[in-house]
Amino acid sequence: MRLLVVGAGAMGRWFADAVADGLPDDPDIAFADADSSAAATAADRVQEARTVALDTSDRFEVVCIAVPIPVATEAIAAHAGRATRAIVDVTGVATEPVAAMREHAPDRERLSLHPLFAPENAPGNVAAVVDEAGPVTDDVRAALAAQGNDVFETTADEHDTAMETVQAQAHAAVLSFGLAAADVPDAFQTPISEELFALVEQVTGGDPRVYADIQDAFEGADDVAAAAEELAAADSTRFETLYRQVHEKL
């Protein structure tokens, strides 16, 4: 398999590693990135990978788009023509990339993947929107599964709706607690507060741009703010009602 990974960040490297290790035969992997030094670093970390220019004239069986969410559709438009058989994205959003892949690669296999974990926590669950199936994308999914990932099928709408809760709302809730929390001595921590502070540390240990992109891509943070305001304004009777609603909902 000849594979081009557009984007030499963490997700691009994860995809290249997972596919390379999961396929029965060693693929020919190339990285392209606006930052040529990042592409070179990624190629050094993946066995026998190489780099190509963003405007390369080479063509590949599979092109994987692994760029930040705001430039996903632009990258698909620019690089879809370099795919001879399949185009894949691992950008973290589904609706717009799938539409762009349909437009720019109508006669090729199309697959939108979202690893629901940071690369250092692999393997894990991988959401897969199979827009146009075929043997090449089947091999890609099999390679990911061979690395211990649970690759499950979904739709673009279902995926993006879920991300409003599991990403946009979850991150907003954790960061809001971090902004509001005081510096409390460890002796006062409860099991719940310890878990919350650990989540704040986990979330703020990443790339803030990634979290900002998620907030821009998915709705949900306003609902968290509205819920917090409702709790803050509630009297004891209303608070108990809201408390029970949450218990029953979850």
Protein backbone atom coordinates (compact mmCIF):
# COMPACT_ATOMS: atom_id res chain seq x y z
CA MET A 1 0.00 0.00 0.00
CA ARG A 2 1.28 3.45 -0.94
CA LEU A 3 0.05 5.89 1.71
CA LEU A 4 0.30 9.67 1.87
CA VAL A 5 -0.38 11.28 5.24
CA VAL A 6 -1.12 14.99 4.94
CA GLY A 7 -0.36 16.45 8.34
CA ALA A 8 2.59 15.39 10.49
CA GLY A 9 1.04 16.01 13.89
CA ALA A 10 0.13 13.48 16.55
CA MET A 11 -2.89 12.05 14.72
CA GLY A 12 -1.05 11.70 11.42
CA ARG A 13 1.79 9.86 13.11
CA TRP A 14 -0.66 7.66 15.01
CA PHE A 15 -2.47 6.69 11.81
CA ALA A 16 0.74 5.91 9.94
CA ASP A 17 2.10 3.83 12.83
CA ALA A 18 -1.14 1.91 13.34
CA VAL A 19 -1.58 1.10 9.65
CA ALA A 20 2.09 0.19 9.20
CA ASP A 21 2.04 -2.16 12.19
CA GLY A 22 -1.39 -3.65 11.41
CA LEU A 23 -0.93 -4.50 7.73
CA PRO A 24 0.60 -7.85 6.76
CA ASP A 25 3.00 -6.12 4.33
CA ASP A 26 5.04 -3.01 4.96
CA PRO A 27 3.41 0.01 3.28
CA ASP A 28 5.23 2.80 1.48
CA ILE A 29 4.42 5.80 3.71
CA ALA A 30 5.05 9.45 2.91
CA PHE A 31 4.33 12.54 5.03
CA ALA A 32 3.54 15.99 3.68
CA ASP A 33 3.17 19.04 5.88
CA ALA A 34 3.35 22.81 5.55
CA ASP A 35 6.16 22.53 8.11
CA SER A 36 8.78 20.45 6.32
CA SER A 37 10.73 19.87 9.53
CA ALA A 38 7.61 18.40 11.16
CA ALA A 39 7.19 16.08 8.18
CA ALA A 40 10.82 15.00 8.49
CA THR A 41 10.42 14.34 12.21
CA ALA A 42 7.29 12.27 11.59
CA ALA A 43 9.02 10.27 8.87
CA ASP A 44 11.93 9.53 11.22
CA ARG A 45 9.51 8.13 13.80
CA VAL A 46 7.73 5.78 11.39
CA GLN A 47 9.74 2.90 10.02
CA GLU A 48 11.00 3.52 6.46
CA ALA A 49 8.68 6.52 5.95
CA ARG A 50 9.70 9.44 3.77
CA THR A 51 8.64 13.01 3.06
CA VAL A 52 7.17 14.66 -0.01
CA ALA A 53 6.30 18.24 -0.80
CA LEU A 54 2.75 19.43 -0.26
CA ASP A 55 2.47 20.02 -4.00
CA THR A 56 3.94 16.65 -4.95
CA SER A 57 2.91 15.17 -8.29
CA ASP A 58 3.14 11.64 -6.84
CA ARG A 59 -0.03 9.63 -6.47
CA PHE A 60 -0.85 7.16 -3.73
CA GLU A 61 -3.36 4.37 -3.22
CA VAL A 62 -4.51 6.05 0.00
CA VAL A 63 -4.40 9.68 1.06
CA CYS A 64 -5.05 10.36 4.74
CA ILE A 65 -5.95 13.91 5.77
CA ALA A 66 -4.69 14.53 9.31
CA VAL A 67 -4.86 18.31 9.64
CA PRO A 68 -6.58 20.62 12.16
CA ILE A 69 -10.37 20.85 11.89
CA PRO A 70 -10.51 24.42 10.46
CA VAL A 71 -8.49 23.46 7.36
CA ALA A 72 -9.85 19.93 6.83
CA THR A 73 -12.08 20.63 3.84
CA GLU A 74 -9.41 22.80 2.22
CA ALA A 75 -6.86 20.00 2.57
CA ILE A 76 -9.27 17.43 1.14
CA ALA A 77 -9.88 19.62 -1.89
CA ALA A 78 -6.15 20.10 -2.41
CA HIS A 79 -5.04 16.49 -2.01
CA ALA A 80 -7.95 14.26 -3.06
CA GLY A 81 -6.60 14.09 -6.59
CA ARG A 82 -3.46 12.35 -5.30
CA ALA A 83 -5.51 9.34 -4.16
CA THR A 84 -5.88 6.57 -6.74
CA ARG A 85 -8.10 4.30 -4.65
CA ALA A 86 -9.14 5.76 -1.29
CA ILE A 87 -9.21 8.91 0.80
CA VAL A 88 -9.39 8.93 4.59
CA ASP A 89 -9.57 11.68 7.19
CA VAL A 90 -8.73 11.64 10.90
CA THR A 91 -9.61 15.27 11.62
CA GLY A 92 -12.14 14.63 14.41
CA VAL A 93 -15.23 15.98 12.67
CA ALA A 94 -17.27 14.04 10.12
CA THR A 95 -20.02 15.96 8.33
CA GLU A 96 -17.95 18.53 6.45
CA PRO A 97 -15.01 16.22 5.60
CA VAL A 98 -17.35 13.51 4.30
CA ALA A 99 -19.13 16.05 2.10
CA ALA A 100 -15.78 17.33 0.81
CA MET A 101 -14.55 13.82 0.07
CA ARG A 102 -17.74 13.07 -1.87
CA GLU A 103 -17.23 16.23 -3.91
CA HIS A 104 -13.53 15.86 -4.63
CA ALA A 105 -13.16 12.05 -4.67
CA PRO A 106 -16.51 10.78 -6.00
CA ASP A 107 -15.04 7.68 -7.62
CA ARG A 108 -12.84 6.55 -4.73
CA GLU A 109 -13.35 4.80 -1.43
CA ARG A 110 -14.07 7.26 1.38
CA LEU A 111 -13.61 6.79 5.11
CA SER A 112 -13.77 9.26 8.00
CA LEU A 113 -12.09 8.02 11.18
CA HIS A 114 -12.00 9.55 14.64
CA PRO A 115 -9.76 7.96 17.29
CA LEU A 116 -11.54 8.80 20.55
CA PHE A 117 -8.30 9.03 22.52
CA ALA A 118 -4.96 10.78 22.52
CA PRO A 119 -2.31 8.80 20.62
CA GLU A 120 -0.40 8.05 23.82
CA ASN A 121 -3.50 6.28 25.16
CA ALA A 122 -3.90 3.95 22.16
CA PRO A 123 -5.47 1.55 21.49
CA GLY A 124 -9.09 2.56 22.00
CA ASN A 125 -12.40 3.23 20.31
CA VAL A 126 -12.26 4.53 16.74
CA ALA A 127 -15.45 5.91 15.17
CA ALA A 128 -15.69 5.09 11.46
CA VAL A 129 -17.99 6.76 8.94
CA VAL A 130 -17.79 4.45 5.92
CA ASP A 131 -19.05 6.67 3.12
CA GLU A 132 -17.87 4.45 0.26
CA ALA A 133 -16.54 1.03 1.26
CA GLY A 134 -14.02 -1.07 -0.63
CA PRO A 135 -11.05 -3.38 -0.21
CA VAL A 136 -8.53 -0.65 0.59
CA THR A 137 -10.51 1.00 3.36
CA ASP A 138 -11.43 -2.48 4.61
CA ASP A 139 -7.68 -3.15 4.93
CA VAL A 140 -7.22 0.14 6.79
CA ARG A 141 -9.94 -0.71 9.29
CA ALA A 142 -8.56 -4.24 9.70
CA ALA A 143 -5.09 -2.84 10.35
CA LEU A 144 -6.43 -0.56 13.07
CA ALA A 145 -8.38 -3.44 14.63
CA ALA A 146 -5.27 -5.61 14.53
CA GLN A 147 -3.61 -3.04 16.80
CA GLY A 148 -6.31 -3.57 19.42
CA ASN A 149 -8.60 -0.71 18.47
CA ASP A 150 -12.38 -1.12 18.52
CA VAL A 151 -13.37 0.31 15.13
CA PHE A 152 -17.13 0.84 15.14
CA GLU A 153 -19.34 2.16 12.33
CA THR A 154 -21.46 5.27 12.71
CA THR A 155 -22.89 8.04 10.56
CA ALA A 156 -21.58 11.57 10.15
CA ASP A 157 -24.65 13.04 11.87
CA GLU A 158 -24.53 10.57 14.77
CA HIS A 159 -20.81 11.17 15.25
CA ASP A 160 -20.98 14.95 15.25
CA THR A 161 -24.01 14.99 17.55
CA ALA A 162 -22.18 12.75 20.03
CA MET A 163 -19.12 15.02 19.91
CA GLU A 164 -21.25 17.91 21.20
CA THR A 165 -21.49 16.03 24.50
CA VAL A 166 -18.35 13.91 24.78
CA GLN A 167 -16.03 16.65 23.60
CA ALA A 168 -17.46 20.19 23.50
CA GLN A 169 -19.61 19.92 26.63
CA ALA A 170 -17.18 17.71 28.55
CA HIS A 171 -14.22 19.99 27.88
CA ALA A 172 -16.24 23.11 28.67
CA ALA A 173 -17.38 21.63 31.99
CA VAL A 174 -13.86 20.60 33.02
CA LEU A 175 -12.26 23.90 32.00
CA SER A 176 -15.05 25.90 33.69
CA PHE A 177 -14.35 24.08 36.94
CA GLY A 178 -10.65 24.80 36.49
CA LEU A 179 -11.33 28.51 35.97
CA ALA A 180 -13.64 28.73 38.99
CA ALA A 181 -11.70 26.50 41.40
CA ALA A 182 -9.59 27.93 44.20
CA ASP A 183 -6.18 26.58 45.20
CA VAL A 184 -7.19 24.20 47.99
CA PRO A 185 -4.73 22.31 50.25
CA ASP A 186 -4.59 18.59 49.47
CA ALA A 187 -5.88 17.70 52.93
CA PHE A 188 -9.28 19.15 52.03
CA GLN A 189 -9.73 17.23 48.78
CA THR A 190 -12.64 14.83 48.42
CA PRO A 191 -12.76 11.86 46.03
CA ILE A 192 -14.92 13.91 43.65
CA SER A 193 -12.74 17.04 43.75
CA GLU A 194 -9.60 14.97 43.27
CA GLU A 195 -11.08 13.46 40.13
CA LEU A 196 -12.08 16.89 38.82
CA PHE A 197 -8.65 18.40 39.43
CA ALA A 198 -7.09 15.37 37.71
CA LEU A 199 -9.33 15.97 34.70
CA VAL A 200 -8.34 19.64 34.62
CA GLU A 201 -4.68 18.62 34.64
CA GLN A 202 -5.28 16.10 31.85
CA VAL A 203 -7.18 18.53 29.63
CA THR A 204 -4.78 21.44 30.13
CA GLY A 205 -1.76 19.24 29.41
CA GLY A 206 -2.58 19.17 25.69
CA ASP A 207 -2.60 21.63 22.80
CA PRO A 208 -5.00 24.53 23.50
CA ARG A 209 -5.54 25.03 19.77
CA VAL A 210 -7.03 21.54 19.48
CA TYR A 211 -9.52 22.26 22.25
CA ALA A 212 -10.38 25.65 20.73
CA ASP A 213 -10.99 24.00 17.36
CA ILE A 214 -13.37 21.51 19.00
CA GLN A 215 -15.35 24.32 20.63
CA ASP A 216 -15.62 26.08 17.27
CA ALA A 217 -16.66 22.89 15.46
CA PHE A 218 -19.31 21.60 17.86
CA GLU A 219 -22.08 23.24 19.84
CA GLY A 220 -22.58 22.36 23.48
CA ALA A 221 -20.65 24.78 25.68
CA ASP A 222 -23.62 27.17 25.90
CA ASP A 223 -25.77 24.34 27.26
CA VAL A 224 -23.20 23.70 30.01
CA ALA A 225 -23.19 27.39 30.92
CA ALA A 226 -26.99 27.49 31.01
CA ALA A 227 -27.13 24.39 33.22
CA ALA A 228 -24.61 25.90 35.64
CA GLU A 229 -26.65 29.10 35.83
CA GLU A 230 -29.81 27.10 36.51
CA LEU A 231 -28.12 25.21 39.33
CA ALA A 232 -26.71 28.40 40.81
CA ALA A 233 -30.14 30.09 40.80
CA ALA A 234 -32.09 27.07 42.13
CA ASP A 235 -33.58 26.96 45.60
CA SER A 236 -33.25 23.72 47.55
CA THR A 237 -36.44 22.20 46.11
CA ARG A 238 -35.49 22.99 42.54
CA PHE A 239 -31.93 21.79 43.15
CA GLU A 240 -33.21 18.42 44.37
CA THR A 241 -35.39 18.15 41.26
CA LEU A 242 -32.44 18.87 38.97
CA TYR A 243 -30.27 16.44 40.92
CA ARG A 244 -32.83 13.67 40.41
CA GLN A 245 -33.19 14.54 36.72
CA VAL A 246 -29.49 14.01 36.22
CA HIS A 247 -29.55 10.70 38.08
CA GLU A 248 -32.50 9.43 36.07
CA LYS A 249 -31.02 10.65 32.78
CA LEU A 250 -27.70 8.89 33.23
